[in-house]
């Protein structure tokens, strides 16, 4: 994993965790600007305090086919969620 991808992965985890108020982790992040494709794999969303199970849910992967990727705007053609 390149330093840029590691930074992007850490940023996604931080923003998702802050937004949801629980720990969110991802195993892998793949970004292809040339293909306008983003794949996030091994997503785990923690449970809030007071729940007995450690995770609210897990997702095997999310694949995002983008129409446009820029600093200002990200538009999607298709989003696929598996498992």
Protein backbone atom coordinates (compact mmCIF):
# COMPACT_ATOMS: atom_id res chain seq x y z
CA UNK A 1 0.00 0.00 0.00
CA UNK A 2 1.44 3.34 -1.02
CA UNK A 3 1.80 6.20 1.49
CA UNK A 4 -0.99 8.14 -0.28
CA UNK A 5 -3.38 5.19 -0.02
CA UNK A 6 -2.44 4.65 3.65
CA UNK A 7 -3.22 8.30 4.33
CA UNK A 8 -6.52 8.10 2.43
CA UNK A 9 -7.48 4.91 4.32
CA UNK A 10 -6.71 6.50 7.69
CA UNK A 11 -8.67 9.62 6.70
CA UNK A 12 -11.72 7.59 5.61
CA UNK A 13 -11.64 5.61 8.87
CA UNK A 14 -11.34 8.81 10.94
CA UNK A 15 -14.17 10.65 9.15
CA UNK A 16 -16.49 7.61 9.18
CA UNK A 17 -15.79 6.96 12.87
CA UNK A 18 -16.43 10.59 13.80
CA UNK A 19 -19.59 10.75 11.67
CA UNK A 20 -21.08 7.56 13.12
CA UNK A 21 -19.78 7.98 16.66
CA UNK A 22 -18.31 4.46 16.69
CA UNK A 23 -15.06 2.94 15.49
CA UNK A 24 -15.00 2.19 11.76
CA UNK A 25 -12.14 0.23 10.22
CA UNK A 26 -11.38 -0.84 6.67
CA UNK A 27 -8.98 -3.53 5.57
CA UNK A 28 -8.20 -2.24 2.12
CA UNK A 29 -8.74 0.84 -0.01
CA UNK A 30 -8.07 0.85 -3.74
CA UNK A 31 -8.41 4.07 -5.73
CA UNK A 32 -7.94 4.18 -9.49
CA UNK A 33 -8.25 7.74 -10.74
CA UNK A 34 -7.62 6.60 -14.31
CA UNK A 35 -10.52 4.10 -14.18
CA UNK A 36 -12.59 6.36 -11.89
CA UNK A 37 -13.11 3.44 -9.55
CA UNK A 38 -12.90 3.16 -5.75
CA UNK A 39 -13.10 -0.12 -3.83
CA UNK A 40 -13.28 -0.29 -0.05
CA UNK A 41 -12.94 -3.80 1.43
CA UNK A 42 -13.30 -5.32 4.88
CA UNK A 43 -15.44 -2.62 6.47
CA UNK A 44 -16.28 -3.05 10.15
CA UNK A 45 -18.60 -0.69 12.02
CA UNK A 46 -18.42 -0.94 15.79
CA UNK A 47 -21.33 -0.98 18.19
CA UNK A 48 -21.92 1.88 20.61
CA UNK A 49 -21.20 1.38 24.29
CA UNK A 50 -23.73 -0.86 26.02
CA UNK A 51 -24.08 -3.40 23.24
CA UNK A 52 -22.70 -6.89 23.83
CA UNK A 53 -21.42 -7.59 20.32
CA UNK A 54 -18.30 -5.71 19.20
CA UNK A 55 -19.62 -4.86 15.72
CA UNK A 56 -22.91 -3.41 14.53
CA UNK A 57 -22.18 -4.87 11.10
CA UNK A 58 -19.48 -5.71 8.59
CA UNK A 59 -19.41 -5.22 4.83
CA UNK A 60 -17.24 -7.32 2.52
CA UNK A 61 -16.78 -4.56 -0.04
CA UNK A 62 -18.15 -1.39 -1.54
CA UNK A 63 -17.29 -0.60 -5.14
CA UNK A 64 -17.88 2.92 -6.41
CA UNK A 65 -17.83 3.64 -10.13
CA UNK A 66 -17.40 7.38 -10.39
CA UNK A 67 -18.54 9.67 -13.16
CA UNK A 68 -16.40 12.61 -12.07
CA UNK A 69 -13.62 12.89 -9.51
CA UNK A 70 -12.25 16.28 -8.53
CA UNK A 71 -11.32 18.14 -5.36
CA UNK A 72 -14.69 19.87 -5.41
CA UNK A 73 -17.04 17.15 -6.64
CA UNK A 74 -17.43 13.38 -6.72
CA UNK A 75 -20.37 12.05 -8.73
CA UNK A 76 -21.22 8.36 -9.07
CA UNK A 77 -22.42 6.10 -11.86
CA UNK A 78 -22.88 3.04 -9.65
CA UNK A 79 -22.35 1.94 -6.04
CA UNK A 80 -22.28 -1.79 -5.28
CA UNK A 81 -22.30 -3.17 -1.72
CA UNK A 82 -21.49 -6.84 -1.08
CA UNK A 83 -21.81 -8.86 2.12
